[in-house]
Amino acid sequence: MRITVFGATGGTGQHLVHQALEAGHHVTAVVRNPAGLRQAAHPRLDVVKADVMDPEAITEAVAGQDAVVSALGPRAKGDSSVCSDGARAIITAMRATGCRRLVAVTASGHIVDDGDGPFTRSVVKPMLRRYLREGFADFVRTDEAVHASGLDWTIMRPPRLTDGRPRPYRTATDRNVRGGITIARADLAHAILATLAAPDTAGHTIALGY
């Protein structure tokens, strides 16, 4: 599979690039700073230096690809629109090139549904919304843009990300994972690749957690 990864130098993106290459995929990593990519010399890795917020600058990186993954996330305080602005630019570029398969990472924290327990719904999520208001608003805008894209999309909804070692995790379709409060970035990357290999996940959200 030919996969383009945005956010390839981030915590999840690094794992995703590594695992995709190990699985035999061809990866195009779109980055601002190529020096931040550990696997830069791999024969099945193309590194493209471009501004993800500019659809014209990233069009070539998505043309002819089987799938695109947005693992974008804020790098500094004040990056309150990077996920949604990036998603809109990626969607524009994909529409222009005819690339259809999109997997976008947001989060489970801004979503309250039947997958959450009573304590999470009534106490934990309201507190998170108060303290992570700007980031959650960005995730909401990202979800809306992806839903309206007309592409074959899947939204990944992880809980709090850690740098822990891979271990068995649970997933749920179109609802949160009960009691799933953390997930390692390596396992999120694993779940993204599994989602790309499952066409029936298109048009759905996939939550995960331990």
N, C-alpha and C. Protein backbone atom coordinates (compact mmCIF):
# COMPACT_ATOMS: atom_id res chain seq x y z
N MET A 1 0.84 -1.19 0.00
CA MET A 1 0.00 0.00 0.00
C MET A 1 0.89 1.25 0.00
N ARG A 2 0.47 2.25 -0.72
CA ARG A 2 1.18 3.53 -0.75
C ARG A 2 0.44 4.49 0.17
N ILE A 3 1.12 4.93 1.23
CA ILE A 3 0.49 5.71 2.29
C ILE A 3 1.23 7.04 2.45
N THR A 4 0.47 8.12 2.50
CA THR A 4 1.04 9.43 2.84
C THR A 4 0.69 9.74 4.29
N VAL A 5 1.70 10.14 5.05
CA VAL A 5 1.52 10.44 6.47
C VAL A 5 1.83 11.90 6.73
N PHE A 6 0.85 12.60 7.28
CA PHE A 6 1.06 13.97 7.77
C PHE A 6 1.22 13.92 9.29
N GLY A 7 2.14 14.72 9.80
CA GLY A 7 2.48 14.61 11.22
C GLY A 7 3.47 13.49 11.46
N ALA A 8 4.30 13.21 10.45
CA ALA A 8 5.19 12.04 10.50
C ALA A 8 6.31 12.17 11.51
N THR A 9 6.63 13.38 11.95
CA THR A 9 7.70 13.53 12.94
C THR A 9 7.15 13.62 14.36
N GLY A 10 5.85 13.53 14.52
CA GLY A 10 5.24 13.54 15.85
C GLY A 10 5.35 12.18 16.52
N GLY A 11 4.88 12.11 17.77
CA GLY A 11 5.00 10.88 18.53
C GLY A 11 4.30 9.71 17.87
N THR A 12 3.07 9.89 17.44
CA THR A 12 2.34 8.82 16.75
C THR A 12 2.87 8.62 15.34
N GLY A 13 3.16 9.73 14.65
CA GLY A 13 3.62 9.64 13.28
C GLY A 13 4.91 8.85 13.12
N GLN A 14 5.85 9.01 14.06
CA GLN A 14 7.10 8.26 13.98
C GLN A 14 6.83 6.75 14.07
N HIS A 15 5.97 6.37 15.01
CA HIS A 15 5.62 4.95 15.13
C HIS A 15 4.92 4.45 13.86
N LEU A 16 4.03 5.28 13.32
CA LEU A 16 3.28 4.87 12.14
C LEU A 16 4.20 4.65 10.95
N VAL A 17 5.11 5.58 10.72
CA VAL A 17 6.05 5.44 9.61
C VAL A 17 6.88 4.17 9.79
N HIS A 18 7.40 3.97 10.99
CA HIS A 18 8.23 2.79 11.25
C HIS A 18 7.46 1.49 11.02
N GLN A 19 6.26 1.40 11.59
CA GLN A 19 5.48 0.18 11.46
C GLN A 19 5.02 -0.07 10.03
N ALA A 20 4.68 1.01 9.32
CA ALA A 20 4.25 0.85 7.93
C ALA A 20 5.40 0.34 7.06
N LEU A 21 6.59 0.86 7.27
CA LEU A 21 7.75 0.39 6.52
C LEU A 21 8.08 -1.06 6.87
N GLU A 22 7.99 -1.39 8.16
CA GLU A 22 8.25 -2.77 8.59
C GLU A 22 7.25 -3.75 7.96
N ALA A 23 6.03 -3.26 7.72
CA ALA A 23 4.99 -4.11 7.13
C ALA A 23 5.09 -4.18 5.61
N GLY A 24 6.03 -3.46 5.03
CA GLY A 24 6.24 -3.54 3.59
C GLY A 24 5.55 -2.47 2.77
N HIS A 25 4.94 -1.48 3.42
CA HIS A 25 4.27 -0.41 2.70
C HIS A 25 5.28 0.61 2.19
N HIS A 26 4.85 1.39 1.21
CA HIS A 26 5.64 2.52 0.72
C HIS A 26 5.05 3.77 1.35
N VAL A 27 5.89 4.56 2.03
CA VAL A 27 5.41 5.69 2.81
C VAL A 27 5.95 7.00 2.25
N THR A 28 5.06 7.98 2.12
CA THR A 28 5.46 9.35 1.83
C THR A 28 5.19 10.16 3.09
N ALA A 29 6.25 10.69 3.68
CA ALA A 29 6.14 11.47 4.91
C ALA A 29 6.22 12.95 4.57
N VAL A 30 5.17 13.69 4.89
CA VAL A 30 5.15 15.13 4.65
C VAL A 30 5.52 15.82 5.95
N VAL A 31 6.62 16.57 5.93
CA VAL A 31 7.17 17.15 7.15
C VAL A 31 7.61 18.59 6.90
N ARG A 32 7.71 19.33 7.99
CA ARG A 32 8.30 20.67 7.91
C ARG A 32 9.81 20.59 8.00
N ASN A 33 10.30 19.66 8.83
CA ASN A 33 11.74 19.53 9.05
C ASN A 33 12.16 18.07 8.88
N PRO A 34 12.75 17.71 7.75
CA PRO A 34 13.13 16.32 7.50
C PRO A 34 14.09 15.76 8.54
N ALA A 35 14.84 16.62 9.21
CA ALA A 35 15.80 16.15 10.21
C ALA A 35 15.11 15.47 11.39
N GLY A 36 13.84 15.74 11.58
CA GLY A 36 13.11 15.14 12.69
C GLY A 36 12.60 13.75 12.41
N LEU A 37 12.88 13.21 11.23
CA LEU A 37 12.37 11.89 10.85
C LEU A 37 13.47 10.86 10.98
N ARG A 38 13.29 9.89 11.87
CA ARG A 38 14.36 8.93 12.18
C ARG A 38 14.64 7.98 11.03
N GLN A 39 13.64 7.64 10.22
CA GLN A 39 13.83 6.61 9.17
C GLN A 39 14.12 7.22 7.80
N ALA A 40 14.70 8.39 7.75
CA ALA A 40 14.81 9.15 6.50
C ALA A 40 15.53 8.41 5.38
N ALA A 41 16.39 7.45 5.69
CA ALA A 41 17.19 6.78 4.65
C ALA A 41 16.55 5.50 4.13
N HIS A 42 15.36 5.16 4.55
CA HIS A 42 14.74 3.89 4.14
C HIS A 42 14.39 3.91 2.65
N PRO A 43 14.64 2.81 1.93
CA PRO A 43 14.39 2.79 0.48
C PRO A 43 12.92 2.92 0.09
N ARG A 44 12.00 2.58 1.00
CA ARG A 44 10.57 2.72 0.67
C ARG A 44 9.95 3.95 1.32
N LEU A 45 10.78 4.91 1.68
CA LEU A 45 10.28 6.14 2.29
C LEU A 45 10.65 7.34 1.44
N ASP A 46 9.64 8.11 1.05
CA ASP A 46 9.85 9.39 0.38
C ASP A 46 9.54 10.49 1.38
N VAL A 47 10.44 11.43 1.52
CA VAL A 47 10.26 12.54 2.45
C VAL A 47 9.98 13.81 1.65
N VAL A 48 8.85 14.44 1.95
CA VAL A 48 8.46 15.66 1.27
C VAL A 48 8.41 16.80 2.27
N LYS A 49 9.19 17.83 2.03
CA LYS A 49 9.17 19.01 2.90
C LYS A 49 8.13 19.98 2.35
N ALA A 50 7.07 20.22 3.12
CA ALA A 50 5.98 21.07 2.64
C ALA A 50 5.18 21.59 3.82
N ASP A 51 4.46 22.66 3.57
CA ASP A 51 3.55 23.24 4.56
C ASP A 51 2.19 22.58 4.40
N VAL A 52 1.79 21.79 5.40
CA VAL A 52 0.53 21.05 5.31
C VAL A 52 -0.67 21.98 5.19
N MET A 53 -0.53 23.22 5.59
CA MET A 53 -1.64 24.15 5.53
C MET A 53 -1.88 24.69 4.12
N ASP A 54 -1.01 24.36 3.18
CA ASP A 54 -1.11 24.84 1.80
C ASP A 54 -1.50 23.67 0.90
N PRO A 55 -2.77 23.60 0.47
CA PRO A 55 -3.20 22.46 -0.36
C PRO A 55 -2.37 22.26 -1.62
N GLU A 56 -1.97 23.34 -2.26
CA GLU A 56 -1.18 23.21 -3.49
C GLU A 56 0.19 22.61 -3.20
N ALA A 57 0.76 22.92 -2.04
CA ALA A 57 2.09 22.42 -1.70
C ALA A 57 2.09 20.93 -1.40
N ILE A 58 0.94 20.38 -1.02
CA ILE A 58 0.89 18.95 -0.65
C ILE A 58 0.17 18.09 -1.68
N THR A 59 -0.30 18.69 -2.75
CA THR A 59 -1.05 17.94 -3.76
C THR A 59 -0.24 16.79 -4.33
N GLU A 60 1.02 17.06 -4.68
CA GLU A 60 1.87 16.01 -5.27
C GLU A 60 2.09 14.86 -4.29
N ALA A 61 2.09 15.16 -2.98
CA ALA A 61 2.35 14.14 -1.97
C ALA A 61 1.19 13.17 -1.80
N VAL A 62 -0.01 13.56 -2.19
CA VAL A 62 -1.16 12.66 -2.07
C VAL A 62 -1.59 12.06 -3.40
N ALA A 63 -1.08 12.61 -4.49
CA ALA A 63 -1.46 12.10 -5.82
C ALA A 63 -0.99 10.66 -5.99
N GLY A 64 -1.89 9.79 -6.44
CA GLY A 64 -1.56 8.41 -6.71
C GLY A 64 -1.40 7.52 -5.50
N GLN A 65 -1.74 8.03 -4.31
CA GLN A 65 -1.60 7.23 -3.09
C GLN A 65 -2.85 6.39 -2.84
N ASP A 66 -2.65 5.28 -2.13
CA ASP A 66 -3.79 4.44 -1.75
C ASP A 66 -4.51 4.98 -0.53
N ALA A 67 -3.79 5.68 0.32
CA ALA A 67 -4.39 6.19 1.55
C ALA A 67 -3.57 7.35 2.09
N VAL A 68 -4.25 8.19 2.88
CA VAL A 68 -3.62 9.33 3.54
C VAL A 68 -3.98 9.27 5.02
N VAL A 69 -2.99 9.52 5.87
CA VAL A 69 -3.22 9.56 7.31
C VAL A 69 -2.84 10.92 7.84
N SER A 70 -3.75 11.54 8.59
CA SER A 70 -3.43 12.78 9.29
C SER A 70 -3.22 12.46 10.76
N ALA A 71 -1.96 12.51 11.19
CA ALA A 71 -1.61 12.35 12.60
C ALA A 71 -1.13 13.68 13.16
N LEU A 72 -1.70 14.75 12.65
CA LEU A 72 -1.30 16.09 13.07
C LEU A 72 -1.72 16.35 14.52
N GLY A 73 -0.94 17.16 15.18
CA GLY A 73 -1.27 17.58 16.54
C GLY A 73 -0.51 18.83 16.88
N PRO A 74 -0.96 19.57 17.89
CA PRO A 74 -0.28 20.82 18.26
C PRO A 74 1.10 20.55 18.80
N ARG A 75 2.05 21.37 18.41
CA ARG A 75 3.42 21.25 18.91
C ARG A 75 3.71 22.28 20.00
N ALA A 76 2.94 23.35 20.03
CA ALA A 76 3.19 24.42 21.00
C ALA A 76 1.87 25.01 21.46
N LYS A 77 1.94 25.65 22.61
CA LYS A 77 0.76 26.32 23.13
C LYS A 77 0.33 27.39 22.14
N GLY A 78 -0.94 27.44 21.86
CA GLY A 78 -1.42 28.41 20.89
C GLY A 78 -1.71 27.81 19.53
N ASP A 79 -1.27 26.54 19.31
CA ASP A 79 -1.60 25.85 18.06
C ASP A 79 -3.02 25.29 18.17
N SER A 80 -3.98 26.19 18.20
CA SER A 80 -5.36 25.77 18.52
C SER A 80 -6.19 25.41 17.30
N SER A 81 -5.58 25.42 16.12
CA SER A 81 -6.35 25.08 14.92
C SER A 81 -5.56 24.19 13.96
N VAL A 82 -4.43 23.65 14.41
CA VAL A 82 -3.57 22.90 13.50
C VAL A 82 -4.25 21.66 12.95
N CYS A 83 -5.04 20.96 13.77
CA CYS A 83 -5.67 19.73 13.30
C CYS A 83 -6.74 20.02 12.25
N SER A 84 -7.60 20.98 12.54
CA SER A 84 -8.69 21.28 11.61
C SER A 84 -8.20 22.00 10.36
N ASP A 85 -7.28 22.95 10.51
CA ASP A 85 -6.74 23.62 9.33
C ASP A 85 -5.99 22.63 8.45
N GLY A 86 -5.20 21.76 9.09
CA GLY A 86 -4.49 20.74 8.32
C GLY A 86 -5.43 19.79 7.63
N ALA A 87 -6.48 19.37 8.33
CA ALA A 87 -7.46 18.44 7.73
C ALA A 87 -8.12 19.06 6.50
N ARG A 88 -8.49 20.32 6.60
CA ARG A 88 -9.14 20.97 5.46
C ARG A 88 -8.20 21.06 4.26
N ALA A 89 -6.92 21.36 4.51
CA ALA A 89 -5.96 21.43 3.41
C ALA A 89 -5.74 20.04 2.79
N ILE A 90 -5.63 19.03 3.63
CA ILE A 90 -5.44 17.67 3.14
C ILE A 90 -6.65 17.23 2.31
N ILE A 91 -7.84 17.51 2.79
CA ILE A 91 -9.05 17.14 2.06
C ILE A 91 -9.10 17.84 0.70
N THR A 92 -8.74 19.10 0.67
CA THR A 92 -8.72 19.85 -0.60
C THR A 92 -7.74 19.20 -1.58
N ALA A 93 -6.55 18.85 -1.09
CA ALA A 93 -5.55 18.21 -1.96
C ALA A 93 -6.02 16.84 -2.44
N MET A 94 -6.66 16.09 -1.55
CA MET A 94 -7.15 14.76 -1.94
C MET A 94 -8.25 14.86 -2.99
N ARG A 95 -9.15 15.80 -2.81
CA ARG A 95 -10.20 15.99 -3.82
C ARG A 95 -9.61 16.35 -5.18
N ALA A 96 -8.57 17.16 -5.17
CA ALA A 96 -7.96 17.61 -6.41
C ALA A 96 -7.27 16.48 -7.16
N THR A 97 -6.81 15.47 -6.43
CA THR A 97 -6.05 14.39 -7.05
C THR A 97 -6.86 13.10 -7.21
N GLY A 98 -8.04 13.03 -6.61
CA GLY A 98 -8.85 11.83 -6.70
C GLY A 98 -8.49 10.77 -5.68
N CYS A 99 -7.61 11.09 -4.74
CA CYS A 99 -7.28 10.15 -3.67
C CYS A 99 -8.46 10.09 -2.70
N ARG A 100 -8.90 8.90 -2.30
CA ARG A 100 -10.17 8.75 -1.58
C ARG A 100 -10.05 8.36 -0.11
N ARG A 101 -9.04 7.57 0.25
CA ARG A 101 -9.01 6.97 1.59
C ARG A 101 -8.28 7.86 2.58
N LEU A 102 -8.98 8.30 3.60
CA LEU A 102 -8.42 9.20 4.62
C LEU A 102 -8.67 8.63 6.01
N VAL A 103 -7.61 8.55 6.80
CA VAL A 103 -7.72 8.24 8.22
C VAL A 103 -7.19 9.43 8.99
N ALA A 104 -8.02 10.00 9.85
CA ALA A 104 -7.64 11.18 10.62
C ALA A 104 -7.71 10.87 12.11
N VAL A 105 -6.72 11.33 12.85
CA VAL A 105 -6.66 11.11 14.30
C VAL A 105 -7.17 12.35 15.01
N THR A 106 -8.18 12.18 15.87
CA THR A 106 -8.57 13.27 16.76
C THR A 106 -8.44 12.75 18.20
N ALA A 107 -9.54 12.52 18.90
CA ALA A 107 -9.47 12.05 20.28
C ALA A 107 -10.84 11.58 20.73
N SER A 108 -10.87 10.94 21.89
CA SER A 108 -12.15 10.51 22.46
C SER A 108 -12.65 11.48 23.53
N GLY A 109 -11.77 12.36 24.01
CA GLY A 109 -12.12 13.21 25.14
C GLY A 109 -13.26 14.17 24.91
N HIS A 110 -13.42 14.64 23.67
CA HIS A 110 -14.47 15.62 23.39
C HIS A 110 -15.80 14.95 23.04
N ILE A 111 -15.82 13.62 23.03
CA ILE A 111 -17.02 12.87 22.68
C ILE A 111 -17.61 12.22 23.93
N VAL A 112 -18.88 12.43 24.15
CA VAL A 112 -19.59 11.77 25.24
C VAL A 112 -20.67 10.89 24.61
N ASP A 113 -20.59 9.57 24.85
CA ASP A 113 -21.57 8.67 24.25
C ASP A 113 -21.81 7.47 25.16
N ASP A 114 -22.54 6.49 24.66
CA ASP A 114 -22.91 5.33 25.47
C ASP A 114 -21.72 4.46 25.86
N GLY A 115 -20.59 4.66 25.19
CA GLY A 115 -19.41 3.91 25.57
C GLY A 115 -18.79 4.37 26.87
N ASP A 116 -19.12 5.56 27.32
CA ASP A 116 -18.58 6.10 28.56
C ASP A 116 -19.40 5.65 29.76
N GLY A 117 -18.72 5.40 30.86
CA GLY A 117 -19.41 5.09 32.09
C GLY A 117 -20.02 6.33 32.72
N PRO A 118 -20.91 6.17 33.70
CA PRO A 118 -21.58 7.32 34.33
C PRO A 118 -20.61 8.34 34.92
N PHE A 119 -19.56 7.88 35.59
CA PHE A 119 -18.60 8.81 36.20
C PHE A 119 -17.86 9.60 35.13
N THR A 120 -17.49 8.92 34.06
CA THR A 120 -16.79 9.61 32.97
C THR A 120 -17.70 10.66 32.34
N ARG A 121 -18.96 10.30 32.11
CA ARG A 121 -19.89 11.25 31.49
C ARG A 121 -20.17 12.45 32.37
N SER A 122 -20.34 12.23 33.66
CA SER A 122 -20.81 13.30 34.54
C SER A 122 -19.69 14.11 35.19
N VAL A 123 -18.49 13.50 35.33
CA VAL A 123 -17.41 14.19 36.03
C VAL A 123 -16.17 14.40 35.16
N VAL A 124 -15.65 13.30 34.61
CA VAL A 124 -14.37 13.39 33.91
C VAL A 124 -14.46 14.22 32.64
N LYS A 125 -15.42 13.93 31.78
CA LYS A 125 -15.51 14.65 30.51
C LYS A 125 -15.82 16.15 30.71
N PRO A 126 -16.72 16.54 31.61
CA PRO A 126 -16.92 17.98 31.84
C PRO A 126 -15.64 18.69 32.30
N MET A 127 -14.83 18.04 33.14
CA MET A 127 -13.57 18.63 33.58
C MET A 127 -12.60 18.77 32.42
N LEU A 128 -12.52 17.73 31.59
CA LEU A 128 -11.63 17.80 30.44
C LEU A 128 -12.03 18.90 29.49
N ARG A 129 -13.32 19.05 29.25
CA ARG A 129 -13.79 20.11 28.35
C ARG A 129 -13.44 21.49 28.88
N ARG A 130 -13.43 21.64 30.19
CA ARG A 130 -13.11 22.94 30.79
C ARG A 130 -11.63 23.28 30.60
N TYR A 131 -10.76 22.30 30.84
CA TYR A 131 -9.32 22.57 30.82
C TYR A 131 -8.68 22.41 29.44
N LEU A 132 -9.34 21.69 28.57
CA LEU A 132 -8.79 21.47 27.23
C LEU A 132 -9.73 22.04 26.17
N ARG A 133 -10.32 23.15 26.49
CA ARG A 133 -11.38 23.72 25.66
C ARG A 133 -10.92 23.99 24.23
N GLU A 134 -9.77 24.65 24.06
CA GLU A 134 -9.32 25.02 22.71
C GLU A 134 -8.95 23.79 21.89
N GLY A 135 -8.24 22.85 22.51
CA GLY A 135 -7.87 21.63 21.78
C GLY A 135 -9.08 20.82 21.37
N PHE A 136 -10.06 20.71 22.28
CA PHE A 136 -11.27 19.96 21.95
C PHE A 136 -12.06 20.65 20.85
N ALA A 137 -12.09 21.98 20.87
CA ALA A 137 -12.80 22.71 19.81
C ALA A 137 -12.15 22.42 18.45
N ASP A 138 -10.83 22.30 18.45
CA ASP A 138 -10.12 21.98 17.21
C ASP A 138 -10.49 20.58 16.73
N PHE A 139 -10.60 19.63 17.66
CA PHE A 139 -11.01 18.28 17.29
C PHE A 139 -12.43 18.25 16.72
N VAL A 140 -13.32 19.04 17.32
CA VAL A 140 -14.70 19.11 16.81
C VAL A 140 -14.70 19.62 15.38
N ARG A 141 -13.94 20.68 15.12
CA ARG A 141 -13.88 21.22 13.76
C ARG A 141 -13.26 20.22 12.79
N THR A 142 -12.26 19.47 13.26
CA THR A 142 -11.66 18.44 12.42
C THR A 142 -12.67 17.36 12.08
N ASP A 143 -13.39 16.88 13.09
CA ASP A 143 -14.43 15.87 12.86
C ASP A 143 -15.44 16.35 11.82
N GLU A 144 -15.87 17.59 11.96
CA GLU A 144 -16.86 18.15 11.03
C GLU A 144 -16.33 18.20 9.61
N ALA A 145 -15.07 18.63 9.45
CA ALA A 145 -14.48 18.72 8.12
C ALA A 145 -14.34 17.34 7.49
N VAL A 146 -13.92 16.37 8.26
CA VAL A 146 -13.75 15.01 7.73
C VAL A 146 -15.09 14.40 7.37
N HIS A 147 -16.08 14.57 8.24
CA HIS A 147 -17.42 14.04 7.95
C HIS A 147 -17.98 14.62 6.65
N ALA A 148 -17.71 15.88 6.40
CA ALA A 148 -18.28 16.57 5.23
C ALA A 148 -17.40 16.44 3.98
N SER A 149 -16.31 15.70 4.08
CA SER A 149 -15.32 15.66 3.00
C SER A 149 -15.80 14.94 1.75
N GLY A 150 -16.73 13.98 1.91
CA GLY A 150 -17.13 13.16 0.78
C GLY A 150 -16.13 12.07 0.45
N LEU A 151 -15.07 11.93 1.28
CA LEU A 151 -14.05 10.92 1.06
C LEU A 151 -14.40 9.62 1.80
N ASP A 152 -13.61 8.61 1.60
CA ASP A 152 -13.76 7.35 2.33
C ASP A 152 -12.96 7.48 3.63
N TRP A 153 -13.55 8.12 4.62
CA TRP A 153 -12.84 8.52 5.83
C TRP A 153 -13.08 7.56 6.99
N THR A 154 -12.11 7.55 7.88
CA THR A 154 -12.25 6.95 9.20
C THR A 154 -11.59 7.89 10.19
N ILE A 155 -12.24 8.12 11.32
CA ILE A 155 -11.67 8.96 12.38
C ILE A 155 -11.25 8.06 13.53
N MET A 156 -9.99 8.17 13.93
CA MET A 156 -9.46 7.44 15.07
C MET A 156 -9.63 8.30 16.32
N ARG A 157 -10.16 7.70 17.39
CA ARG A 157 -10.42 8.45 18.62
C ARG A 157 -9.70 7.80 19.80
N PRO A 158 -8.43 8.13 19.98
CA PRO A 158 -7.70 7.60 21.13
C PRO A 158 -7.97 8.42 22.39
N PRO A 159 -7.77 7.81 23.57
CA PRO A 159 -7.79 8.58 24.81
C PRO A 159 -6.41 9.22 25.03
N ARG A 160 -6.01 9.43 26.26
CA ARG A 160 -4.72 10.07 26.55
C ARG A 160 -3.58 9.21 26.01
N LEU A 161 -2.69 9.83 25.25
CA LEU A 161 -1.59 9.11 24.62
C LEU A 161 -0.39 9.01 25.56
N THR A 162 0.28 7.86 25.52
CA THR A 162 1.48 7.64 26.33
C THR A 162 2.60 7.12 25.45
N ASP A 163 3.79 7.04 26.03
CA ASP A 163 4.93 6.45 25.33
C ASP A 163 5.20 5.04 25.82
N GLY A 164 4.18 4.37 26.32
CA GLY A 164 4.33 3.02 26.85
C GLY A 164 4.60 1.99 25.78
N ARG A 165 4.92 0.79 26.23
CA ARG A 165 5.20 -0.32 25.32
C ARG A 165 3.89 -0.88 24.76
N PRO A 166 3.94 -1.43 23.55
CA PRO A 166 2.73 -2.03 22.96
C PRO A 166 2.19 -3.17 23.82
N ARG A 167 0.89 -3.26 23.91
CA ARG A 167 0.24 -4.37 24.61
C ARG A 167 -1.18 -4.50 24.06
N PRO A 168 -1.89 -5.55 24.40
CA PRO A 168 -3.24 -5.72 23.87
C PRO A 168 -4.14 -4.53 24.21
N TYR A 169 -4.92 -4.11 23.23
CA TYR A 169 -5.84 -2.98 23.43
C TYR A 169 -7.20 -3.35 22.87
N ARG A 170 -8.18 -2.54 23.22
CA ARG A 170 -9.55 -2.76 22.75
C ARG A 170 -9.94 -1.65 21.79
N THR A 171 -10.85 -1.96 20.87
CA THR A 171 -11.41 -0.96 19.97
C THR A 171 -12.93 -1.02 20.01
N ALA A 172 -13.55 0.05 19.60
CA ALA A 172 -15.01 0.10 19.48
C ALA A 172 -15.35 0.97 18.28
N THR A 173 -16.37 0.58 17.56
CA THR A 173 -16.79 1.32 16.36
C THR A 173 -17.95 2.24 16.71
N ASP A 174 -17.78 3.51 16.39
CA ASP A 174 -18.82 4.54 16.56
C ASP A 174 -19.24 4.73 18.01
N ARG A 175 -18.35 4.40 18.93
CA ARG A 175 -18.59 4.69 20.34
C ARG A 175 -17.25 4.60 21.08
N ASN A 176 -17.19 5.22 22.25
CA ASN A 176 -15.96 5.17 23.03
C ASN A 176 -15.76 3.80 23.68
N VAL A 177 -14.54 3.52 24.09
CA VAL A 177 -14.20 2.27 24.76
C VAL A 177 -14.40 2.46 26.26
N ARG A 178 -15.28 1.68 26.85
CA ARG A 178 -15.57 1.80 28.27
C ARG A 178 -14.30 1.56 29.10
N GLY A 179 -13.95 2.58 29.91
CA GLY A 179 -12.79 2.46 30.78
C GLY A 179 -11.45 2.61 30.08
N GLY A 180 -11.45 2.90 28.79
CA GLY A 180 -10.20 3.05 28.06
C GLY A 180 -9.67 4.47 28.20
N ILE A 181 -8.81 4.70 29.17
CA ILE A 181 -8.37 6.07 29.47
C ILE A 181 -6.99 6.39 28.92
N THR A 182 -6.22 5.38 28.50
CA THR A 182 -4.92 5.63 27.90
C THR A 182 -4.69 4.67 26.74
N ILE A 183 -3.73 5.06 25.88
CA ILE A 183 -3.27 4.18 24.81
C ILE A 183 -1.84 4.62 24.44
N ALA A 184 -0.97 3.68 24.21
CA ALA A 184 0.38 4.01 23.77
C ALA A 184 0.36 4.45 22.32
N ARG A 185 1.22 5.38 22.00
CA ARG A 185 1.29 5.87 20.62
C ARG A 185 1.62 4.74 19.65
N ALA A 186 2.43 3.80 20.09
CA ALA A 186 2.76 2.65 19.23
C ALA A 186 1.52 1.83 18.92
N ASP A 187 0.63 1.69 19.89
CA ASP A 187 -0.60 0.92 19.66
C ASP A 187 -1.58 1.71 18.81
N LEU A 188 -1.61 3.03 18.95
CA LEU A 188 -2.44 3.83 18.06
C LEU A 188 -1.97 3.66 16.62
N ALA A 189 -0.67 3.70 16.41
CA ALA A 189 -0.13 3.49 15.06
C ALA A 189 -0.53 2.12 14.52
N HIS A 190 -0.46 1.10 15.36
CA HIS A 190 -0.87 -0.26 14.96
C HIS A 190 -2.33 -0.28 14.55
N ALA A 191 -3.18 0.41 15.32
CA ALA A 191 -4.61 0.45 15.03
C ALA A 191 -4.90 1.20 13.74
N ILE A 192 -4.12 2.23 13.46
CA ILE A 192 -4.29 2.98 12.21
C ILE A 192 -4.01 2.06 11.01
N LEU A 193 -2.93 1.31 11.07
CA LEU A 193 -2.61 0.39 9.97
C LEU A 193 -3.67 -0.69 9.82
N ALA A 194 -4.18 -1.17 10.93
CA ALA A 194 -5.25 -2.17 10.86
C ALA A 194 -6.50 -1.58 10.22
N THR A 195 -6.77 -0.32 10.53
CA THR A 195 -7.93 0.36 9.94
C THR A 195 -7.76 0.56 8.44
N LEU A 196 -6.57 0.92 8.02
CA LEU A 196 -6.31 1.08 6.59
C LEU A 196 -6.53 -0.22 5.83
N ALA A 197 -6.30 -1.34 6.49
CA ALA A 197 -6.46 -2.65 5.85
C ALA A 197 -7.90 -3.15 5.91
N ALA A 198 -8.80 -2.37 6.51
CA ALA A 198 -10.19 -2.79 6.67
C ALA A 198 -11.12 -1.79 5.98
N PRO A 199 -11.47 -2.02 4.73
CA PRO A 199 -12.32 -1.08 4.00
C PRO A 199 -13.67 -0.81 4.66
N ASP A 200 -14.17 -1.77 5.45
CA ASP A 200 -15.48 -1.58 6.07
C ASP A 200 -15.47 -0.57 7.21
N THR A 201 -14.28 -0.03 7.55
CA THR A 201 -14.23 1.03 8.57
C THR A 201 -14.49 2.40 7.98
N ALA A 202 -14.56 2.50 6.67
CA ALA A 202 -14.84 3.79 6.03
C ALA A 202 -16.22 4.30 6.45
N GLY A 203 -16.27 5.57 6.80
CA GLY A 203 -17.52 6.17 7.25
C GLY A 203 -17.81 5.95 8.72
N HIS A 204 -16.81 5.49 9.47
CA HIS A 204 -16.99 5.19 10.89
C HIS A 204 -15.88 5.82 11.72
N THR A 205 -16.12 5.89 13.04
CA THR A 205 -15.09 6.27 13.99
C THR A 205 -14.63 5.02 14.73
N ILE A 206 -13.34 4.98 15.04
CA ILE A 206 -12.77 3.86 15.78
C ILE A 206 -12.12 4.41 17.05
N ALA A 207 -12.71 4.06 18.18
CA ALA A 207 -12.11 4.42 19.47
C ALA A 207 -11.26 3.26 19.96
N LEU A 208 -10.30 3.55 20.80
CA LEU A 208 -9.45 2.51 21.32
C LEU A 208 -8.92 2.87 22.70
N GLY A 209 -8.47 1.87 23.42
CA GLY A 209 -7.96 2.07 24.76
C GLY A 209 -7.68 0.72 25.39
N TYR A 210 -7.05 0.74 26.56
CA TYR A 210 -6.73 -0.51 27.26
C TYR A 210 -7.88 -0.94 28.15
